[in-house]
Amino acid sequence: EFVKYSMRDGKEINFLRRDSEAGQ
């Protein structure tokens, strides 16, 4: 599963980024 942890502009804050170990 391909996941975007942070978008280019830094604005996206999503659950996959915030809550997953890889995202953190």
PDB file of all heavy atoms in Angstrom:
ATOM      1  N   GLU A   1       0.840  -1.194   0.000  1.00  0.00           N
ATOM      2  CA  GLU A   1       0.000   0.000   0.000  1.00  0.00           C
ATOM      3  C   GLU A   1       0.878   1.248   0.000  1.00  0.00           C
ATOM      4  O   GLU A   1       1.677   1.474   0.901  1.00  0.00           O
ATOM      5  CB  GLU A   1      -0.908   0.019   1.236  1.00  0.00           C
ATOM      6  CG  GLU A   1      -1.836   1.213   1.261  1.00  0.00           C
ATOM      7  CD  GLU A   1      -2.662   1.316   2.532  1.00  0.00           C
ATOM      8  OE1 GLU A   1      -2.494   0.472   3.443  1.00  0.00           O
ATOM      9  OE2 GLU A   1      -3.461   2.253   2.621  1.00  0.00           O
ATOM     10  N   PHE A   2       0.721   2.056  -1.044  1.00  0.00           N
ATOM     11  CA  PHE A   2       1.493   3.286  -1.182  1.00  0.00           C
ATOM     12  C   PHE A   2       0.785   4.389  -0.402  1.00  0.00           C
ATOM     13  O   PHE A   2      -0.391   4.655  -0.609  1.00  0.00           O
ATOM     14  CB  PHE A   2       1.606   3.666  -2.666  1.00  0.00           C
ATOM     15  CG  PHE A   2       2.666   4.682  -2.945  1.00  0.00           C
ATOM     16  CD1 PHE A   2       3.974   4.290  -3.156  1.00  0.00           C
ATOM     17  CD2 PHE A   2       2.362   6.036  -2.993  1.00  0.00           C
ATOM     18  CE1 PHE A   2       4.965   5.227  -3.420  1.00  0.00           C
ATOM     19  CE2 PHE A   2       3.338   6.978  -3.251  1.00  0.00           C
ATOM     20  CZ  PHE A   2       4.648   6.568  -3.468  1.00  0.00           C
ATOM     21  N   VAL A   3       1.503   5.033   0.522  1.00  0.00           N
ATOM     22  CA  VAL A   3       0.913   6.050   1.399  1.00  0.00           C
ATOM     23  C   VAL A   3       1.693   7.349   1.278  1.00  0.00           C
ATOM     24  O   VAL A   3       2.924   7.334   1.268  1.00  0.00           O
ATOM     25  CB  VAL A   3       0.931   5.577   2.880  1.00  0.00           C
ATOM     26  CG1 VAL A   3       0.377   6.647   3.799  1.00  0.00           C
ATOM     27  CG2 VAL A   3       0.153   4.283   3.037  1.00  0.00           C
ATOM     28  N   LYS A   4       0.996   8.476   1.196  1.00  0.00           N
ATOM     29  CA  LYS A   4       1.625   9.802   1.252  1.00  0.00           C
ATOM     30  C   LYS A   4       1.578  10.257   2.698  1.00  0.00           C
ATOM     31  O   LYS A   4       0.519  10.545   3.224  1.00  0.00           O
ATOM     32  CB  LYS A   4       0.875  10.779   0.352  1.00  0.00           C
ATOM     33  CG  LYS A   4       1.075  10.509  -1.120  1.00  0.00           C
ATOM     34  CD  LYS A   4       0.415  11.595  -1.948  1.00  0.00           C
ATOM     35  CE  LYS A   4       0.690  11.390  -3.400  1.00  0.00           C
ATOM     36  NZ  LYS A   4       1.777  12.199  -3.897  1.00  0.00           N
ATOM     37  N   TYR A   5       2.745  10.289   3.339  1.00  0.00           N
ATOM     38  CA  TYR A   5       2.819  10.694   4.742  1.00  0.00           C
ATOM     39  C   TYR A   5       2.822  12.208   4.893  1.00  0.00           C
ATOM     40  O   TYR A   5       2.394  12.738   5.898  1.00  0.00           O
ATOM     41  CB  TYR A   5       4.055  10.086   5.411  1.00  0.00           C
ATOM     42  CG  TYR A   5       4.001   8.575   5.431  1.00  0.00           C
ATOM     43  CD1 TYR A   5       4.857   7.821   4.658  1.00  0.00           C
ATOM     44  CD2 TYR A   5       3.059   7.914   6.216  1.00  0.00           C
ATOM     45  CE1 TYR A   5       4.795   6.437   4.671  1.00  0.00           C
ATOM     46  CE2 TYR A   5       2.994   6.531   6.238  1.00  0.00           C
ATOM     47  CZ  TYR A   5       3.861   5.798   5.458  1.00  0.00           C
ATOM     48  OH  TYR A   5       3.787   4.436   5.473  1.00  0.00           O
ATOM     49  N   SER A   6       3.365  12.904   3.908  1.00  0.00           N
ATOM     50  CA  SER A   6       3.299  14.370   3.908  1.00  0.00           C
ATOM     51  C   SER A   6       3.273  14.833   2.460  1.00  0.00           C
ATOM     52  O   SER A   6       4.024  14.326   1.632  1.00  0.00           O
ATOM     53  CB  SER A   6       4.488  14.979   4.645  1.00  0.00           C
ATOM     54  OG  SER A   6       5.666  14.786   3.923  1.00  0.00           O
ATOM     55  N   MET A   7       2.398  15.769   2.179  1.00  0.00           N
ATOM     56  CA  MET A   7       2.294  16.306   0.826  1.00  0.00           C
ATOM     57  C   MET A   7       3.421  17.302   0.594  1.00  0.00           C
ATOM     58  O   MET A   7       4.043  17.794   1.520  1.00  0.00           O
ATOM     59  CB  MET A   7       0.942  17.006   0.644  1.00  0.00           C
ATOM     60  CG  MET A   7      -0.248  16.066   0.824  1.00  0.00           C
ATOM     61  SD  MET A   7      -0.270  14.709  -0.351  1.00  0.00           S
ATOM     62  CE  MET A   7      -0.953  15.544  -1.762  1.00  0.00           C
ATOM     63  N   ARG A   8       3.629  17.669  -0.664  1.00  0.00           N
ATOM     64  CA  ARG A   8       4.700  18.613  -1.005  1.00  0.00           C
ATOM     65  C   ARG A   8       4.533  19.935  -0.268  1.00  0.00           C
ATOM     66  O   ARG A   8       5.491  20.543   0.153  1.00  0.00           O
ATOM     67  CB  ARG A   8       4.709  18.877  -2.510  1.00  0.00           C
ATOM     68  CG  ARG A   8       5.277  17.728  -3.297  1.00  0.00           C
ATOM     69  CD  ARG A   8       5.261  18.049  -4.770  1.00  0.00           C
ATOM     70  NE  ARG A   8       6.401  18.846  -5.163  1.00  0.00           N
ATOM     71  CZ  ARG A   8       7.576  18.368  -5.517  1.00  0.00           C
ATOM     72  NH1 ARG A   8       7.779  17.070  -5.503  1.00  0.00           N
ATOM     73  NH2 ARG A   8       8.548  19.151  -5.888  1.00  0.00           N
ATOM     74  N   ASP A   9       3.287  20.389  -0.099  1.00  0.00           N
ATOM     75  CA  ASP A   9       3.108  21.703   0.524  1.00  0.00           C
ATOM     76  C   ASP A   9       3.016  21.634   2.039  1.00  0.00           C
ATOM     77  O   ASP A   9       2.870  22.654   2.698  1.00  0.00           O
ATOM     78  CB  ASP A   9       1.880  22.413  -0.033  1.00  0.00           C
ATOM     79  CG  ASP A   9       0.572  21.713   0.283  1.00  0.00           C
ATOM     80  OD1 ASP A   9       0.585  20.702   1.006  1.00  0.00           O
ATOM     81  OD2 ASP A   9      -0.463  22.195  -0.182  1.00  0.00           O
ATOM     82  N   GLY A  10       3.114  20.432   2.617  1.00  0.00           N
ATOM     83  CA  GLY A  10       3.142  20.321   4.067  1.00  0.00           C
ATOM     84  C   GLY A  10       1.809  20.523   4.745  1.00  0.00           C
ATOM     85  O   GLY A  10       1.705  20.467   5.955  1.00  0.00           O
ATOM     86  N   LYS A  11       0.732  20.747   3.982  1.00  0.00           N
ATOM     87  CA  LYS A  11      -0.560  21.052   4.595  1.00  0.00           C
ATOM     88  C   LYS A  11      -1.336  19.819   5.024  1.00  0.00           C
ATOM     89  O   LYS A  11      -2.170  19.892   5.894  1.00  0.00           O
ATOM     90  CB  LYS A  11      -1.429  21.866   3.622  1.00  0.00           C
ATOM     91  CG  LYS A  11      -0.971  23.292   3.473  1.00  0.00           C
ATOM     92  CD  LYS A  11      -1.903  24.038   2.554  1.00  0.00           C
ATOM     93  CE  LYS A  11      -1.443  25.467   2.375  1.00  0.00           C
ATOM     94  NZ  LYS A  11      -2.254  26.194   1.404  1.00  0.00           N
ATOM     95  N   GLU A  12      -1.101  18.702   4.337  1.00  0.00           N
ATOM     96  CA  GLU A  12      -1.919  17.525   4.634  1.00  0.00           C
ATOM     97  C   GLU A  12      -1.551  16.930   5.985  1.00  0.00           C
ATOM     98  O   GLU A  12      -0.405  16.632   6.265  1.00  0.00           O
ATOM     99  CB  GLU A  12      -1.748  16.456   3.556  1.00  0.00           C
ATOM    100  CG  GLU A  12      -2.628  15.246   3.830  1.00  0.00           C
ATOM    101  CD  GLU A  12      -2.383  14.109   2.869  1.00  0.00           C
ATOM    102  OE1 GLU A  12      -1.311  14.029   2.295  1.00  0.00           O
ATOM    103  OE2 GLU A  12      -3.291  13.292   2.707  1.00  0.00           O
ATOM    104  N   ILE A  13      -2.547  16.803   6.822  1.00  0.00           N
ATOM    105  CA  ILE A  13      -2.364  16.092   8.089  1.00  0.00           C
ATOM    106  C   ILE A  13      -3.455  15.036   8.108  1.00  0.00           C
ATOM    107  O   ILE A  13      -4.615  15.345   8.318  1.00  0.00           O
ATOM    108  CB  ILE A  13      -2.504  17.032   9.294  1.00  0.00           C
ATOM    109  CG1 ILE A  13      -1.418  18.107   9.237  1.00  0.00           C
ATOM    110  CG2 ILE A  13      -2.415  16.263  10.596  1.00  0.00           C
ATOM    111  CD1 ILE A  13      -1.505  19.138  10.325  1.00  0.00           C
ATOM    112  N   ASN A  14      -3.095  13.806   7.790  1.00  0.00           N
ATOM    113  CA  ASN A  14      -4.117  12.762   7.745  1.00  0.00           C
ATOM    114  C   ASN A  14      -3.826  11.682   8.780  1.00  0.00           C
ATOM    115  O   ASN A  14      -2.774  11.662   9.403  1.00  0.00           O
ATOM    116  CB  ASN A  14      -4.229  12.168   6.330  1.00  0.00           C
ATOM    117  CG  ASN A  14      -2.944  11.501   5.882  1.00  0.00           C
ATOM    118  OD1 ASN A  14      -2.241  10.900   6.676  1.00  0.00           O
ATOM    119  ND2 ASN A  14      -2.632  11.597   4.615  1.00  0.00           N
ATOM    120  N   PHE A  15      -4.787  10.804   8.970  1.00  0.00           N
ATOM    121  CA  PHE A  15      -4.654   9.775  10.000  1.00  0.00           C
ATOM    122  C   PHE A  15      -3.498   8.825   9.735  1.00  0.00           C
ATOM    123  O   PHE A  15      -2.798   8.428  10.645  1.00  0.00           O
ATOM    124  CB  PHE A  15      -5.962   8.994  10.146  1.00  0.00           C
ATOM    125  CG  PHE A  15      -7.069   9.824  10.716  1.00  0.00           C
ATOM    126  CD1 PHE A  15      -8.166  10.164   9.954  1.00  0.00           C
ATOM    127  CD2 PHE A  15      -6.999  10.303  12.019  1.00  0.00           C
ATOM    128  CE1 PHE A  15      -9.183  10.958  10.480  1.00  0.00           C
ATOM    129  CE2 PHE A  15      -8.001  11.097  12.554  1.00  0.00           C
ATOM    130  CZ  PHE A  15      -9.101  11.421  11.779  1.00  0.00           C
ATOM    131  N   LEU A  16      -3.270   8.474   8.460  1.00  0.00           N
ATOM    132  CA  LEU A  16      -2.181   7.552   8.150  1.00  0.00           C
ATOM    133  C   LEU A  16      -0.847   8.164   8.536  1.00  0.00           C
ATOM    134  O   LEU A  16       0.056   7.482   8.992  1.00  0.00           O
ATOM    135  CB  LEU A  16      -2.184   7.206   6.657  1.00  0.00           C
ATOM    136  CG  LEU A  16      -3.310   6.279   6.215  1.00  0.00           C
ATOM    137  CD1 LEU A  16      -3.373   6.197   4.701  1.00  0.00           C
ATOM    138  CD2 LEU A  16      -3.126   4.886   6.802  1.00  0.00           C
ATOM    139  N   ARG A  17      -0.735   9.460   8.370  1.00  0.00           N
ATOM    140  CA  ARG A  17       0.504  10.130   8.726  1.00  0.00           C
ATOM    141  C   ARG A  17       0.629  10.282  10.234  1.00  0.00           C
ATOM    142  O   ARG A  17       1.645   9.990  10.819  1.00  0.00           O
ATOM    143  CB  ARG A  17       0.550  11.501   8.061  1.00  0.00           C
ATOM    144  CG  ARG A  17       1.742  12.298   8.495  1.00  0.00           C
ATOM    145  CD  ARG A  17       1.763  13.622   7.791  1.00  0.00           C
ATOM    146  NE  ARG A  17       2.833  14.411   8.391  1.00  0.00           N
ATOM    147  CZ  ARG A  17       2.864  15.705   8.437  1.00  0.00           C
ATOM    148  NH1 ARG A  17       1.875  16.387   7.926  1.00  0.00           N
ATOM    149  NH2 ARG A  17       3.846  16.347   8.975  1.00  0.00           N
ATOM    150  N   ARG A  18      -0.420  10.759  10.860  1.00  0.00           N
ATOM    151  CA  ARG A  18      -0.355  11.102  12.275  1.00  0.00           C
ATOM    152  C   ARG A  18      -0.352   9.881  13.181  1.00  0.00           C
ATOM    153  O   ARG A  18       0.334   9.856  14.185  1.00  0.00           O
ATOM    154  CB  ARG A  18      -1.539  12.006  12.617  1.00  0.00           C
ATOM    155  CG  ARG A  18      -1.452  12.609  14.002  1.00  0.00           C
ATOM    156  CD  ARG A  18      -2.649  13.451  14.312  1.00  0.00           C
ATOM    157  NE  ARG A  18      -3.836  12.601  14.357  1.00  0.00           N
ATOM    158  CZ  ARG A  18      -5.049  13.001  14.030  1.00  0.00           C
ATOM    159  NH1 ARG A  18      -5.263  14.212  13.636  1.00  0.00           N
ATOM    160  NH2 ARG A  18      -6.074  12.178  14.107  1.00  0.00           N
ATOM    161  N   ASP A  19      -1.124   8.873  12.835  1.00  0.00           N
ATOM    162  CA  ASP A  19      -1.329   7.752  13.748  1.00  0.00           C
ATOM    163  C   ASP A  19      -0.465   6.525  13.480  1.00  0.00           C
ATOM    164  O   ASP A  19      -0.284   5.709  14.368  1.00  0.00           O
ATOM    165  CB  ASP A  19      -2.802   7.345  13.751  1.00  0.00           C
ATOM    166  CG  ASP A  19      -3.702   8.452  14.305  1.00  0.00           C
ATOM    167  OD1 ASP A  19      -3.172   9.344  14.996  1.00  0.00           O
ATOM    168  OD2 ASP A  19      -4.908   8.420  14.042  1.00  0.00           O
ATOM    169  N   SER A  20       0.069   6.386  12.271  1.00  0.00           N
ATOM    170  CA  SER A  20       0.873   5.194  12.000  1.00  0.00           C
ATOM    171  C   SER A  20       2.306   5.394  12.494  1.00  0.00           C
ATOM    172  O   SER A  20       2.800   6.517  12.598  1.00  0.00           O
ATOM    173  CB  SER A  20       0.895   4.894  10.497  1.00  0.00           C
ATOM    174  OG  SER A  20       1.708   5.834   9.819  1.00  0.00           O
ATOM    175  N   GLU A  21       2.968   4.286  12.780  1.00  0.00           N
ATOM    176  CA  GLU A  21       4.361   4.346  13.210  1.00  0.00           C
ATOM    177  C   GLU A  21       5.225   4.975  12.120  1.00  0.00           C
ATOM    178  O   GLU A  21       6.052   5.855  12.388  1.00  0.00           O
ATOM    179  CB  GLU A  21       4.870   2.938  13.539  1.00  0.00           C
ATOM    180  CG  GLU A  21       6.320   2.903  13.968  1.00  0.00           C
ATOM    181  CD  GLU A  21       6.830   1.495  14.228  1.00  0.00           C
ATOM    182  OE1 GLU A  21       6.019   0.546  14.322  1.00  0.00           O
ATOM    183  OE2 GLU A  21       8.061   1.349  14.326  1.00  0.00           O
ATOM    184  N   ALA A  22       5.022   4.536  10.867  1.00  0.00           N
ATOM    185  CA  ALA A  22       5.810   5.081   9.753  1.00  0.00           C
ATOM    186  C   ALA A  22       5.559   6.579   9.608  1.00  0.00           C
ATOM    187  O   ALA A  22       6.495   7.358   9.412  1.00  0.00           O
ATOM    188  CB  ALA A  22       5.468   4.353   8.458  1.00  0.00           C
ATOM    189  N   GLY A  23       4.302   6.988   9.723  1.00  0.00           N
ATOM    190  CA  GLY A  23       3.964   8.406   9.596  1.00  0.00           C
ATOM    191  C   GLY A  23       4.607   9.251  10.679  1.00  0.00           C
ATOM    192  O   GLY A  23       5.156  10.320  10.408  1.00  0.00           O
ATOM    193  N   GLN A  24       4.570   8.769  11.905  1.00  0.00           N
ATOM    194  CA  GLN A  24       5.183   9.508  13.012  1.00  0.00           C
ATOM    195  C   GLN A  24       6.700   9.597  12.842  1.00  0.00           C
ATOM    196  O   GLN A  24       7.308  10.631  13.106  1.00  0.00           O
ATOM    197  CB  GLN A  24       4.836   8.856  14.349  1.00  0.00           C
ATOM    198  CG  GLN A  24       3.392   9.061  14.746  1.00  0.00           C
ATOM    199  CD  GLN A  24       3.095   8.473  16.117  1.00  0.00           C
ATOM    200  OE1 GLN A  24       3.981   8.291  16.938  1.00  0.00           O
ATOM    201  NE2 GLN A  24       1.831   8.191  16.363  1.00  0.00           N
TER     202      GLN A  24
END
